[in-house]
């Protein structure tokens, strides 16, 4: 940092007319508007250089513009040698012994206050004469998130969560009875860690809060957490611990690169742009890095600032003289964990998003919700939000550059970001788990429009078939919905799927298994499937009131004992 002796100074300038429409003898001394070179278009220019500042080629008089135009900075109001200097005023700098930067990733600092009623703003004031810093244990990593609730401040580090008192402190008597004996003026008071070795890792974007409860993920410990009045609770333990363990293991903290090439066609003349061609031009986006090989010298690295008609790429700098051939586009992406609070359904939403590095690949994600009333994870959802949160009793999420409102009565159900999805539920029939059963039928209570995608028994173990260890499962054919299974034969209606009686939908299970050694009948020659248990997936069809309300109250099956 350089020490500037004078910062209260005067600008002295000599102005001449910047036109040649009048005789030189007059034009040389006429006053002009004292603007600067960086003025908006249409304003007169004031020369800031003594070397032909206006670019003239013809002198106005015997003296050239090089002599008549000048500007200087002066500490004396008239520039006289014996004139008094301007005062130093309030010093706007500090003299530091070293200019080394110090990063304290585990420390807090607070500024002056901002009063919105009086517009008194001291947020840029950091008084070194007061105790304005507090630090937490550095072994727990950097501070990732701060959240104030009432008069307490929650401090989320990578590997720890702590509570700090705001505008108060706890000072106890020597007997340790827990009675405060005095108060302090500390802005950030005593810091107390919560019980439990949990933190927010490096994913503060998963934080969400409602009421006195706060939610976040700890990727390092394969946990989804809730911070409430009873302290820290690992809500991922409610039936989903193995799921989050496996999914969090796929999330990478480092940036990944999507890279592809296009063929260089031409440049844009005086405009910083290039024209390209190729099958990948539809993948070009603003913000991408582009590497342009040159006919001589090294590559030019630029950023894409605009795309027009797909093949015209505007850059933040001129592309130089590109060599014929390929230009490379790079997009830097990162796996994401996103959290939000759905105030409509009173659910915590967490989205686990693994980004694909294949230009033609698809991202994989899991978005699911947790409900406090049942202490359970209620559903998976078919949307991948960039951010999510609630405002004024509405739940919103961001996708790309757009914002979407969820639970809109005027929009079709299970439609996310303009794409329609069906609903499905997968569950297990496992009554009398030690008895081998023959499942004969499937029934459900609810509305029309549900179908059975698959009905699959447990695996029966490995057998050698054609010198290959093969594992068998008994399976049933899919069952169409009540409407889609309707057909006519000879003018008589029949149901190939669910039928309805007394407002309950039912269907027989038709076996769909492959032939196995020793079997007399197999496949659709038999009814039902055999096994200890059965995994069933029920989903909505594509034709029965698309986007409408579908209710599924209960699903049941009839079975007989096959063997004990």
Protein backbone atom coordinates (compact mmCIF):
# COMPACT_ATOMS: atom_id res chain seq x y z
CA UNK A 1 0.00 0.00 0.00
CA UNK A 2 1.47 3.31 -1.06
CA UNK A 3 1.24 6.35 1.22
CA UNK A 4 -0.47 9.29 -0.53
CA UNK A 5 0.62 12.60 1.03
CA UNK A 6 -2.02 14.81 -0.56
CA UNK A 7 -5.54 13.63 -1.15
CA UNK A 8 -7.19 17.05 -0.90
CA UNK A 9 -6.15 18.59 -4.22
CA UNK A 10 -7.30 20.90 -6.99
CA UNK A 11 -7.48 20.23 -10.71
CA UNK A 12 -6.12 23.15 -12.75
CA UNK A 13 -6.90 23.17 -16.43
CA UNK A 14 -6.66 25.40 -19.49
CA UNK A 15 -9.52 25.13 -21.94
CA UNK A 16 -9.73 26.05 -25.61
CA UNK A 17 -12.52 25.67 -28.09
CA UNK A 18 -12.48 22.29 -29.78
CA UNK A 19 -13.85 23.52 -33.08
CA UNK A 20 -12.28 25.15 -36.12
CA UNK A 21 -15.42 26.96 -37.28
CA UNK A 22 -14.17 30.30 -36.00
CA UNK A 23 -10.86 32.04 -36.70
CA UNK A 24 -7.95 30.58 -34.89
CA UNK A 25 -7.28 33.76 -33.02
CA UNK A 26 -10.69 33.48 -31.29
CA UNK A 27 -11.12 29.73 -31.11
CA UNK A 28 -7.95 29.32 -29.12
CA UNK A 29 -9.35 31.21 -26.11
CA UNK A 30 -13.09 30.54 -26.05
CA UNK A 31 -14.24 28.57 -22.98
CA UNK A 32 -15.68 25.08 -23.38
CA UNK A 33 -17.63 22.68 -21.20
CA UNK A 34 -15.19 21.26 -18.59
CA UNK A 35 -16.17 17.64 -19.02
CA UNK A 36 -13.90 14.61 -18.85
CA UNK A 37 -13.09 12.03 -21.51
CA UNK A 38 -15.28 9.40 -19.91
CA UNK A 39 -18.43 11.53 -20.09
CA UNK A 40 -21.52 9.98 -21.71
CA UNK A 41 -21.93 10.25 -25.45
CA UNK A 42 -22.95 13.72 -26.66
CA UNK A 43 -21.07 15.71 -24.02
CA UNK A 44 -18.05 17.81 -24.93
CA UNK A 45 -14.70 16.27 -24.11
CA UNK A 46 -12.14 17.82 -21.85
CA UNK A 47 -8.54 16.94 -22.70
CA UNK A 48 -6.73 14.97 -20.05
CA UNK A 49 -3.47 14.61 -21.90
CA UNK A 50 -0.97 17.21 -23.12
CA UNK A 51 -0.09 15.09 -26.13
CA UNK A 52 -2.67 16.01 -28.79
CA UNK A 53 -5.57 15.02 -26.51
CA UNK A 54 -8.35 15.52 -29.05
CA UNK A 55 -6.59 13.87 -31.92
CA UNK A 56 -6.40 17.00 -34.08
CA UNK A 57 -4.13 17.12 -37.09
CA UNK A 58 -4.44 20.86 -37.87
CA UNK A 59 -3.21 23.63 -35.57
CA UNK A 60 -5.64 26.38 -34.71
CA UNK A 61 -2.95 28.97 -34.51
CA UNK A 62 0.75 29.19 -34.55
CA UNK A 63 0.68 27.11 -31.37
CA UNK A 64 -0.61 23.59 -31.72
CA UNK A 65 -3.18 21.91 -29.52
CA UNK A 66 -0.29 20.13 -27.83
CA UNK A 67 0.57 23.42 -26.18
CA UNK A 68 -2.82 24.93 -25.59
CA UNK A 69 -4.50 21.91 -23.87
CA UNK A 70 -3.23 20.77 -20.51
CA UNK A 71 -4.43 19.59 -17.10
CA UNK A 72 -2.53 19.25 -13.80
CA UNK A 73 -3.24 18.32 -10.18
CA UNK A 74 -2.19 20.93 -7.63
CA UNK A 75 -2.14 21.14 -3.83
CA UNK A 76 -2.35 24.96 -3.90
CA UNK A 77 -5.63 26.58 -4.81
CA UNK A 78 -4.11 28.91 -7.44
CA UNK A 79 -0.90 27.08 -8.09
CA UNK A 80 1.35 29.80 -6.72
CA UNK A 81 4.67 28.79 -5.23
CA UNK A 82 4.08 30.62 -1.95
CA UNK A 83 0.38 29.84 -1.65
CA UNK A 84 -0.80 27.79 1.33
CA UNK A 85 -1.19 24.05 0.81
CA UNK A 86 -4.56 22.35 1.15
CA UNK A 87 -4.91 20.60 4.48
CA UNK A 88 -4.53 16.86 4.83
CA UNK A 89 -8.03 16.55 6.26
CA UNK A 90 -9.19 13.26 7.74
CA UNK A 91 -6.75 10.53 6.86
CA UNK A 92 -8.38 7.90 4.67
CA UNK A 93 -5.68 5.30 5.10
CA UNK A 94 -3.81 3.24 7.63
CA UNK A 95 -0.11 2.48 7.50
CA UNK A 96 0.35 -1.27 7.81
CA UNK A 97 3.66 -2.89 8.61
CA UNK A 98 2.89 -5.65 6.15
CA UNK A 99 0.48 -6.04 3.28
CA UNK A 100 0.02 -9.78 3.80
CA UNK A 101 -3.57 -10.96 3.75
CA UNK A 102 -4.79 -12.94 6.74
CA UNK A 103 -7.80 -15.28 6.40
CA UNK A 104 -9.52 -16.33 9.62
CA UNK A 105 -12.07 -18.86 8.47
CA UNK A 106 -13.19 -19.59 12.03
CA UNK A 107 -13.66 -16.01 13.26
CA UNK A 108 -16.53 -13.51 13.40
CA UNK A 109 -16.38 -9.72 13.23
CA UNK A 110 -19.18 -7.20 13.56
CA UNK A 111 -19.54 -3.61 12.37
CA UNK A 112 -21.56 -0.60 13.39
CA UNK A 113 -25.34 -0.64 13.09
CA UNK A 114 -27.78 0.49 10.43
CA UNK A 115 -30.93 2.32 11.53
CA UNK A 116 -33.53 2.13 8.78
CA UNK A 117 -35.70 4.79 10.46
CA UNK A 118 -33.02 7.47 10.49
CA UNK A 119 -30.84 6.08 7.65
CA UNK A 120 -27.94 6.15 10.08
CA UNK A 121 -25.52 3.66 8.56
CA UNK A 122 -22.32 2.49 10.22
CA UNK A 123 -22.08 -0.93 8.62
CA UNK A 124 -18.74 0.14 7.16
CA UNK A 125 -17.34 1.06 10.58
CA UNK A 126 -15.18 -1.48 12.41
CA UNK A 127 -13.98 0.06 15.63
CA UNK A 128 -10.58 -1.34 16.55
CA UNK A 129 -11.00 0.10 20.03
CA UNK A 130 -13.77 -2.37 20.86
CA UNK A 131 -14.00 -6.14 21.12
CA UNK A 132 -15.49 -6.76 17.69
CA UNK A 133 -14.16 -10.24 16.94
CA UNK A 134 -14.98 -13.70 18.26
CA UNK A 135 -13.53 -17.03 17.17
CA UNK A 136 -14.72 -20.64 17.34
CA UNK A 137 -12.62 -23.77 17.57
CA UNK A 138 -10.49 -23.93 14.36
CA UNK A 139 -10.19 -27.73 14.46
CA UNK A 140 -13.87 -27.96 13.47
CA UNK A 141 -13.21 -26.26 10.14
CA UNK A 142 -14.42 -23.03 8.58
CA UNK A 143 -17.66 -21.19 9.36
CA UNK A 144 -20.14 -21.93 6.56
CA UNK A 145 -23.42 -20.45 7.84
CA UNK A 146 -24.76 -18.03 10.45
CA UNK A 147 -28.40 -17.87 11.50
CA UNK A 148 -29.91 -15.62 14.16
CA UNK A 149 -33.02 -16.71 16.06
CA UNK A 150 -34.40 -14.57 18.87
CA UNK A 151 -31.32 -13.45 20.79
CA UNK A 152 -29.11 -16.38 19.80
CA UNK A 153 -26.80 -16.95 16.87
CA UNK A 154 -26.33 -20.43 15.42
CA UNK A 155 -22.82 -20.92 14.01
CA UNK A 156 -22.48 -23.74 11.50
CA UNK A 157 -18.94 -24.97 10.91
CA UNK A 158 -17.93 -27.83 8.66
CA UNK A 159 -17.78 -30.23 11.60
CA UNK A 160 -19.60 -28.50 14.46
CA UNK A 161 -22.66 -26.46 15.33
CA UNK A 162 -22.46 -23.89 18.14
CA UNK A 163 -24.71 -21.36 19.78
CA UNK A 164 -23.60 -17.80 20.55
CA UNK A 165 -25.40 -15.26 22.71
CA UNK A 166 -26.22 -11.94 21.03
CA UNK A 167 -26.01 -8.70 23.02
CA UNK A 168 -25.68 -10.67 26.24
CA UNK A 169 -23.31 -12.95 28.06
CA UNK A 170 -23.54 -15.53 30.83
CA UNK A 171 -21.33 -14.78 33.82
CA UNK A 172 -21.82 -17.05 36.81
CA UNK A 173 -21.02 -16.83 40.50
CA UNK A 174 -17.98 -18.50 41.99
CA UNK A 175 -20.18 -21.21 43.51
CA UNK A 176 -21.28 -22.21 40.03
CA UNK A 177 -24.96 -22.22 40.86
CA UNK A 178 -25.79 -20.87 37.44
CA UNK A 179 -27.12 -17.49 38.49
CA UNK A 180 -25.91 -14.54 36.40
CA UNK A 181 -24.22 -11.93 38.60
CA UNK A 182 -23.53 -9.24 35.99
CA UNK A 183 -24.04 -8.30 32.37
CA UNK A 184 -21.72 -7.18 29.60
CA UNK A 185 -21.95 -5.08 26.45
CA UNK A 186 -20.54 -7.78 24.19
CA UNK A 187 -22.34 -8.04 20.87
CA UNK A 188 -21.31 -11.69 20.46
CA UNK A 189 -21.28 -13.32 23.87
CA UNK A 190 -20.46 -16.78 25.11
CA UNK A 191 -20.19 -19.50 22.43
CA UNK A 192 -21.38 -23.00 23.42
CA UNK A 193 -21.12 -26.03 21.09
CA UNK A 194 -24.15 -28.26 20.70
CA UNK A 195 -23.80 -31.87 21.79
CA UNK A 196 -22.91 -34.12 18.86
CA UNK A 197 -20.14 -34.20 16.32
CA UNK A 198 -22.15 -32.80 13.43
CA UNK A 199 -21.61 -29.89 11.07
CA UNK A 200 -22.92 -28.54 7.77
CA UNK A 201 -19.85 -29.75 5.79
CA UNK A 202 -19.43 -27.36 2.85
CA UNK A 203 -23.10 -27.24 1.90
CA UNK A 204 -24.69 -24.15 3.48
CA UNK A 205 -27.19 -24.13 0.60
CA UNK A 206 -29.00 -27.05 2.30
CA UNK A 207 -29.99 -24.86 5.25
CA UNK A 208 -33.68 -24.15 5.80
CA UNK A 209 -35.69 -23.05 8.80
CA UNK A 210 -39.26 -22.76 9.97
CA UNK A 211 -40.35 -21.63 13.41
CA UNK A 212 -37.77 -22.69 15.93
CA UNK A 213 -36.47 -25.60 13.81
CA UNK A 214 -33.51 -25.53 11.45
CA UNK A 215 -32.57 -28.20 8.91
CA UNK A 216 -29.35 -28.95 7.05
CA UNK A 217 -27.20 -31.79 5.72
CA UNK A 218 -23.86 -33.10 6.93
CA UNK A 219 -22.42 -34.83 3.88
CA UNK A 220 -19.23 -35.77 5.71
CA UNK A 221 -21.27 -37.91 8.12
CA UNK A 222 -23.97 -39.12 5.71
CA UNK A 223 -26.59 -37.34 7.77
CA UNK A 224 -29.55 -34.99 7.41
CA UNK A 225 -29.93 -32.95 10.58
CA UNK A 226 -32.55 -30.99 12.52
CA UNK A 227 -31.59 -28.36 15.08
CA UNK A 228 -34.41 -27.62 17.49
CA UNK A 229 -35.03 -26.93 21.17
CA UNK A 230 -33.96 -30.47 22.00
CA UNK A 231 -30.63 -30.00 20.24
CA UNK A 232 -29.37 -31.87 17.19
CA UNK A 233 -31.34 -34.79 15.75
CA UNK A 234 -30.23 -36.99 12.85
CA UNK A 235 -33.50 -37.23 10.92
CA UNK A 236 -31.90 -39.35 8.20
CA UNK A 237 -32.02 -42.19 10.74
CA UNK A 238 -35.79 -42.38 10.32
CA UNK A 239 -35.68 -45.23 7.82
CA UNK A 240 -33.30 -43.59 5.30
CA UNK A 241 -29.79 -43.90 6.71
CA UNK A 242 -28.49 -46.32 4.06
CA UNK A 243 -30.06 -44.27 1.26
CA UNK A 244 -28.33 -41.04 2.30
CA UNK A 245 -25.09 -42.89 2.94
CA UNK A 246 -25.01 -44.18 -0.63
CA UNK A 247 -26.24 -40.96 -2.28
CA UNK A 248 -23.98 -38.55 -0.36
CA UNK A 249 -20.98 -40.71 -1.31
CA UNK A 250 -21.61 -39.77 -4.97
CA UNK A 251 -21.43 -36.00 -4.33
CA UNK A 252 -18.08 -34.39 -5.13
CA UNK A 253 -16.97 -31.11 -3.53
CA UNK A 254 -14.69 -30.26 -6.45
CA UNK A 255 -15.61 -28.67 -9.77
CA UNK A 256 -16.05 -30.90 -12.82
CA UNK A 257 -15.62 -29.92 -16.47
CA UNK A 258 -17.92 -30.45 -19.45
CA UNK A 259 -15.80 -29.99 -22.57
CA UNK A 260 -16.70 -30.12 -26.26
CA UNK A 261 -15.49 -28.68 -29.56
CA UNK A 262 -17.00 -26.78 -32.47
CA UNK A 263 -15.58 -25.91 -35.86
CA UNK A 264 -14.32 -22.36 -36.32
CA UNK A 265 -15.93 -20.54 -39.28
CA UNK A 266 -15.11 -16.83 -39.07
CA UNK A 267 -14.77 -13.82 -36.79
CA UNK A 268 -17.07 -10.84 -36.46
CA UNK A 269 -14.83 -8.08 -37.75
CA UNK A 270 -14.84 -5.16 -35.32
CA UNK A 271 -17.12 -7.04 -32.91
CA UNK A 272 -15.58 -9.52 -30.42
CA UNK A 273 -17.27 -12.66 -31.68
CA UNK A 274 -16.72 -15.88 -33.60
CA UNK A 275 -18.95 -17.94 -35.86
CA UNK A 276 -18.87 -21.69 -35.29
CA UNK A 277 -20.56 -24.79 -36.66
CA UNK A 278 -21.05 -28.38 -35.59
CA UNK A 279 -23.46 -30.66 -33.80
CA UNK A 280 -22.66 -29.20 -30.37
CA UNK A 281 -23.54 -25.55 -31.03
CA UNK A 282 -26.89 -25.98 -29.25
CA UNK A 283 -24.94 -26.76 -26.05
CA UNK A 284 -23.17 -23.37 -25.98
CA UNK A 285 -24.28 -21.18 -23.06
CA UNK A 286 -23.39 -17.78 -21.65
CA UNK A 287 -20.60 -17.96 -19.09
CA UNK A 288 -18.74 -20.82 -20.79
CA UNK A 289 -15.02 -20.63 -21.33
CA UNK A 290 -13.83 -20.81 -24.95
CA UNK A 291 -10.25 -21.62 -25.99
CA UNK A 292 -9.35 -20.26 -29.43
CA UNK A 293 -6.10 -21.51 -31.05
CA UNK A 294 -4.16 -18.78 -32.86
CA UNK A 295 -2.21 -18.79 -36.14
CA UNK A 296 0.78 -17.69 -34.08
CA UNK A 297 1.45 -17.43 -30.37
CA UNK A 298 -0.55 -19.08 -27.63
CA UNK A 299 -4.28 -19.73 -27.35
CA UNK A 300 -6.74 -16.97 -26.48
CA UNK A 301 -9.03 -17.78 -23.57
CA UNK A 302 -12.33 -15.85 -23.54
CA UNK A 303 -15.78 -16.04 -22.00
CA UNK A 304 -19.06 -16.41 -23.83
CA UNK A 305 -21.20 -13.31 -23.13
CA UNK A 306 -23.96 -13.96 -25.66
CA UNK A 307 -25.28 -16.47 -28.20
CA UNK A 308 -27.18 -15.43 -31.33
CA UNK A 309 -28.78 -17.85 -33.80
CA UNK A 310 -26.82 -20.61 -32.06
CA UNK A 311 -23.70 -20.25 -34.20
CA UNK A 312 -22.78 -16.59 -33.52
CA UNK A 313 -20.88 -16.47 -30.24
CA UNK A 314 -20.16 -13.10 -28.62
CA UNK A 315 -17.07 -12.93 -26.42
CA UNK A 316 -15.70 -10.69 -23.68
CA UNK A 317 -12.54 -10.03 -25.71
CA UNK A 318 -11.42 -10.11 -29.32
CA UNK A 319 -10.60 -13.59 -30.62
CA UNK A 320 -7.34 -12.54 -32.27
CA UNK A 321 -6.48 -14.43 -35.46
CA UNK A 322 -7.95 -17.90 -34.97
CA UNK A 323 -6.34 -20.86 -36.65
CA UNK A 324 -8.51 -23.03 -38.83
CA UNK A 325 -9.92 -26.02 -37.00
CA UNK A 326 -11.59 -26.58 -33.63
CA UNK A 327 -12.38 -24.24 -30.77
CA UNK A 328 -12.98 -25.76 -27.34
CA UNK A 329 -15.83 -24.83 -25.00
CA UNK A 330 -15.57 -25.61 -21.28
CA UNK A 331 -18.35 -25.47 -18.70
CA UNK A 332 -17.44 -25.86 -15.06
CA UNK A 333 -20.08 -27.59 -12.97
CA UNK A 334 -20.36 -28.89 -9.45
CA UNK A 335 -22.49 -31.48 -7.71
CA UNK A 336 -25.09 -29.82 -5.52
CA UNK A 337 -27.03 -30.37 -2.34
CA UNK A 338 -30.04 -28.05 -2.11
CA UNK A 339 -32.39 -27.58 0.82
CA UNK A 340 -35.59 -25.61 1.30
CA UNK A 341 -38.76 -25.38 3.35
CA UNK A 342 -42.12 -26.13 1.73
CA UNK A 343 -44.51 -24.04 3.80
CA UNK A 344 -47.55 -25.41 1.93
CA UNK A 345 -46.99 -29.03 2.97
CA UNK A 346 -44.86 -28.20 6.06
CA UNK A 347 -41.98 -30.30 4.72
CA UNK A 348 -38.22 -29.97 4.59
CA UNK A 349 -37.07 -30.50 1.00
CA UNK A 350 -33.58 -31.78 0.18
CA UNK A 351 -32.30 -32.38 -3.35
CA UNK A 352 -29.18 -34.47 -4.05
CA UNK A 353 -27.86 -33.59 -7.52
CA UNK A 354 -25.02 -35.41 -9.25
CA UNK A 355 -23.91 -33.60 -12.42
CA UNK A 356 -22.90 -35.51 -15.54
CA UNK A 357 -19.68 -34.55 -17.36
CA UNK A 358 -20.98 -36.05 -20.61
CA UNK A 359 -22.19 -33.30 -22.95
CA UNK A 360 -25.09 -35.55 -23.98
CA UNK A 361 -25.56 -37.11 -20.55
CA UNK A 362 -28.31 -36.57 -18.02
CA UNK A 363 -27.91 -35.38 -14.46
CA UNK A 364 -29.06 -37.78 -11.76
CA UNK A 365 -30.91 -36.41 -8.77
CA UNK A 366 -33.12 -37.35 -5.87
CA UNK A 367 -35.46 -34.76 -4.38
CA UNK A 368 -37.35 -35.88 -1.29
CA UNK A 369 -39.27 -34.43 1.64
CA UNK A 370 -39.29 -34.90 5.41
CA UNK A 371 -42.35 -34.27 7.59
CA UNK A 372 -41.98 -33.54 11.30
CA UNK A 373 -45.53 -34.61 12.19
CA UNK A 374 -44.73 -38.24 11.42
CA UNK A 375 -40.95 -38.04 11.78
CA UNK A 376 -40.59 -39.65 8.38
CA UNK A 377 -39.61 -39.16 4.77
CA UNK A 378 -42.85 -38.89 2.85
CA UNK A 379 -42.09 -38.79 -0.87
CA UNK A 380 -39.66 -38.45 -3.77
CA UNK A 381 -40.30 -35.69 -6.32
CA UNK A 382 -39.47 -35.34 -10.01
CA UNK A 383 -37.87 -31.90 -9.98
CA UNK A 384 -34.29 -30.66 -9.65
CA UNK A 385 -34.31 -27.16 -8.13
CA UNK A 386 -31.41 -24.76 -8.24
CA UNK A 387 -32.76 -23.10 -5.09
CA UNK A 388 -35.95 -23.60 -3.09
CA UNK A 389 -37.76 -21.68 -0.37
CA UNK A 390 -41.01 -20.23 0.88
CA UNK A 391 -42.39 -16.70 0.93
CA UNK A 392 -45.77 -15.51 2.22
CA UNK A 393 -47.33 -18.98 2.48
CA UNK A 394 -46.13 -19.98 -1.01
CA UNK A 395 -43.42 -22.43 -1.95
CA UNK A 396 -41.10 -21.53 -4.83
CA UNK A 397 -38.19 -23.14 -6.61
CA UNK A 398 -35.73 -21.95 -9.22
CA UNK A 399 -34.89 -23.79 -12.43
CA UNK A 400 -32.38 -22.16 -14.77
CA UNK A 401 -33.16 -18.45 -14.79
CA UNK A 402 -36.87 -18.93 -13.99
CA UNK A 403 -38.85 -19.12 -10.75
CA UNK A 404 -41.80 -21.48 -10.30
CA UNK A 405 -44.63 -21.52 -7.77
CA UNK A 406 -45.60 -24.97 -6.51
CA UNK A 407 -49.03 -26.22 -5.43
CA UNK A 408 -50.78 -23.96 -7.93
CA UNK A 409 -54.43 -25.01 -8.31
CA UNK A 410 -54.47 -23.77 -11.91
CA UNK A 411 -51.60 -26.04 -12.98
CA UNK A 412 -51.75 -29.79 -13.62
CA UNK A 413 -50.58 -32.02 -10.80
CA UNK A 414 -47.15 -33.68 -10.99
CA UNK A 415 -46.03 -31.13 -13.59
CA UNK A 416 -42.62 -29.65 -12.87
CA UNK A 417 -40.95 -26.93 -14.95
CA UNK A 418 -43.31 -27.56 -17.86
CA UNK A 419 -42.81 -31.36 -17.93
CA UNK A 420 -45.58 -33.72 -16.84
CA UNK A 421 -44.70 -36.70 -14.64
CA UNK A 422 -46.79 -39.51 -13.26
CA UNK A 423 -47.12 -40.53 -9.63
CA UNK A 424 -46.09 -43.89 -8.25
CA UNK A 425 -45.66 -45.69 -4.97
CA UNK A 426 -43.54 -48.78 -4.29
CA UNK A 427 -44.10 -50.97 -1.26
CA UNK A 428 -43.71 -54.53 0.07
CA UNK A 429 -46.28 -57.20 0.97
CA UNK A 430 -44.67 -59.18 3.77
CA UNK A 431 -47.29 -60.69 6.06
CA UNK A 432 -46.11 -63.83 7.88
CA UNK A 433 -42.53 -63.40 6.62
CA UNK A 434 -41.46 -67.00 7.35
CA UNK A 435 -44.25 -68.56 5.25
CA UNK A 436 -43.94 -69.06 1.48
CA UNK A 437 -47.09 -67.62 -0.02
CA UNK A 438 -48.90 -67.75 -3.32
CA UNK A 439 -50.14 -64.22 -4.07
CA UNK A 440 -53.40 -64.54 -6.07
CA UNK A 441 -54.92 -61.04 -6.41
CA UNK A 442 -54.24 -57.36 -5.89
CA UNK A 443 -56.87 -54.81 -4.81
CA UNK A 444 -56.89 -51.13 -4.03
CA UNK A 445 -59.15 -48.45 -2.54
CA UNK A 446 -59.00 -45.09 -4.23
CA UNK A 447 -59.87 -43.33 -7.45
CA UNK A 448 -59.81 -44.52 -11.02
CA UNK A 449 -56.56 -44.28 -12.98
CA UNK A 450 -54.11 -46.51 -11.06
CA UNK A 451 -52.19 -49.41 -12.60
CA UNK A 452 -49.72 -52.04 -11.37
CA UNK A 453 -46.38 -51.70 -13.16
CA UNK A 454 -44.75 -54.71 -11.54
CA UNK A 455 -45.45 -57.37 -8.92
CA UNK A 456 -42.21 -59.17 -8.05
CA UNK A 457 -41.38 -61.82 -5.46
CA UNK A 458 -38.15 -62.13 -3.54
CA UNK A 459 -35.24 -63.92 -5.18
CA UNK A 460 -35.19 -67.68 -4.74
CA UNK A 461 -31.43 -68.05 -4.65
CA UNK A 462 -28.78 -68.91 -7.22
CA UNK A 463 -28.95 -72.01 -9.42
CA UNK A 464 -26.62 -73.20 -12.14
CA UNK A 465 -28.24 -72.90 -15.54
CA UNK A 466 -26.12 -73.38 -18.66
CA UNK A 467 -23.03 -73.19 -16.45
CA UNK A 468 -24.12 -69.75 -15.20
CA UNK A 469 -25.17 -68.88 -11.69
CA UNK A 470 -28.71 -67.57 -12.16
CA UNK A 471 -31.06 -66.02 -9.61
CA UNK A 472 -34.82 -66.39 -10.15
CA UNK A 473 -37.73 -64.14 -9.20
CA UNK A 474 -41.39 -64.88 -9.65
CA UNK A 475 -43.20 -62.02 -11.37
CA UNK A 476 -46.69 -61.10 -12.51
CA UNK A 477 -47.81 -59.35 -15.67
CA UNK A 478 -48.56 -55.66 -15.39
CA UNK A 479 -52.17 -54.74 -14.66
CA UNK A 480 -53.82 -51.97 -16.64
CA UNK A 481 -56.05 -49.36 -15.06
CA UNK A 482 -59.83 -49.56 -15.06
CA UNK A 483 -60.20 -47.36 -18.16
CA UNK A 484 -57.16 -48.50 -20.14
CA UNK A 485 -58.04 -52.17 -19.65
CA UNK A 486 -61.49 -51.82 -21.23
CA UNK A 487 -62.07 -53.60 -24.57
CA UNK A 488 -65.07 -54.92 -26.53
CA UNK A 489 -65.52 -58.34 -28.07
CA UNK A 490 -68.70 -59.07 -29.94
CA UNK A 491 -70.24 -55.93 -28.50
CA UNK A 492 -69.64 -57.13 -24.96
CA UNK A 493 -67.29 -55.04 -22.73
CA UNK A 494 -64.48 -56.81 -20.92
CA UNK A 495 -61.74 -55.68 -18.53
CA UNK A 496 -58.15 -56.77 -19.14
CA UNK A 497 -56.95 -54.90 -16.08
CA UNK A 498 -58.62 -53.71 -12.91
CA UNK A 499 -62.32 -54.29 -12.49
CA UNK A 500 -64.53 -52.52 -9.98
CA UNK A 501 -67.06 -53.83 -7.48
CA UNK A 502 -68.60 -51.87 -4.63
CA UNK A 503 -66.14 -49.05 -5.37
CA UNK A 504 -63.12 -51.31 -4.84
CA UNK A 505 -60.77 -52.14 -7.69
CA UNK A 506 -59.46 -55.71 -8.02
CA UNK A 507 -57.53 -57.89 -10.48
CA UNK A 508 -56.08 -61.39 -10.71
CA UNK A 509 -52.33 -61.88 -10.85
CA UNK A 510 -51.16 -63.65 -14.04
CA UNK A 511 -47.72 -65.23 -13.77
CA UNK A 512 -45.06 -63.90 -16.12
CA UNK A 513 -42.02 -65.96 -15.06
CA UNK A 514 -39.54 -67.64 -17.37
CA UNK A 515 -39.27 -71.44 -17.57
CA UNK A 516 -37.19 -73.10 -14.89
CA UNK A 517 -35.82 -76.61 -14.58
CA UNK A 518 -38.40 -79.05 -13.22
CA UNK A 519 -41.46 -76.86 -13.86
CA UNK A 520 -44.52 -78.37 -15.54
CA UNK A 521 -46.39 -75.08 -16.01
CA UNK A 522 -44.90 -71.60 -16.10
CA UNK A 523 -45.70 -68.12 -17.33
CA UNK A 524 -49.33 -67.17 -18.06
CA UNK A 525 -50.37 -70.81 -17.77
CA UNK A 526 -50.44 -70.29 -14.02
CA UNK A 527 -51.97 -67.72 -11.72
CA UNK A 528 -50.31 -65.94 -8.86
CA UNK A 529 -46.67 -65.70 -7.87
CA UNK A 530 -44.84 -67.52 -5.07
CA UNK A 531 -42.42 -66.14 -2.50
CA UNK A 532 -41.89 -65.02 1.05
CA UNK A 533 -42.70 -61.43 0.07
CA UNK A 534 -43.64 -59.32 -2.93
CA UNK A 535 -42.47 -55.89 -4.06
CA UNK A 536 -45.21 -53.92 -5.81
CA UNK A 537 -45.12 -50.68 -7.80
CA UNK A 538 -48.43 -48.89 -8.40
CA UNK A 539 -48.53 -45.83 -10.65
CA UNK A 540 -50.97 -43.51 -12.44
CA UNK A 541 -51.77 -44.20 -16.06
CA UNK A 542 -51.29 -41.76 -18.93
CA UNK A 543 -54.89 -41.35 -20.10
CA UNK A 544 -57.25 -41.17 -17.12
CA UNK A 545 -57.74 -37.47 -16.34
CA UNK A 546 -54.10 -36.45 -16.88
CA UNK A 547 -52.99 -33.87 -14.33
CA UNK A 548 -56.09 -34.44 -12.22
CA UNK A 549 -56.43 -35.58 -8.62
CA UNK A 550 -55.76 -39.26 -7.97
CA UNK A 551 -56.30 -40.80 -4.55
CA UNK A 552 -54.79 -44.07 -3.34
CA UNK A 553 -56.03 -44.99 0.12
CA UNK A 554 -54.99 -48.65 0.54
CA UNK A 555 -53.60 -51.61 -1.44
CA UNK A 556 -54.13 -55.23 -0.43
CA UNK A 557 -53.57 -58.76 -1.71
CA UNK A 558 -55.09 -62.21 -1.22
CA UNK A 559 -52.71 -65.11 -0.79
CA UNK A 560 -52.72 -68.75 0.25
CA UNK A 561 -50.01 -70.67 2.05
CA UNK A 562 -47.76 -72.44 -0.38
CA UNK A 563 -45.50 -74.09 2.20
CA UNK A 564 -44.22 -73.56 5.70
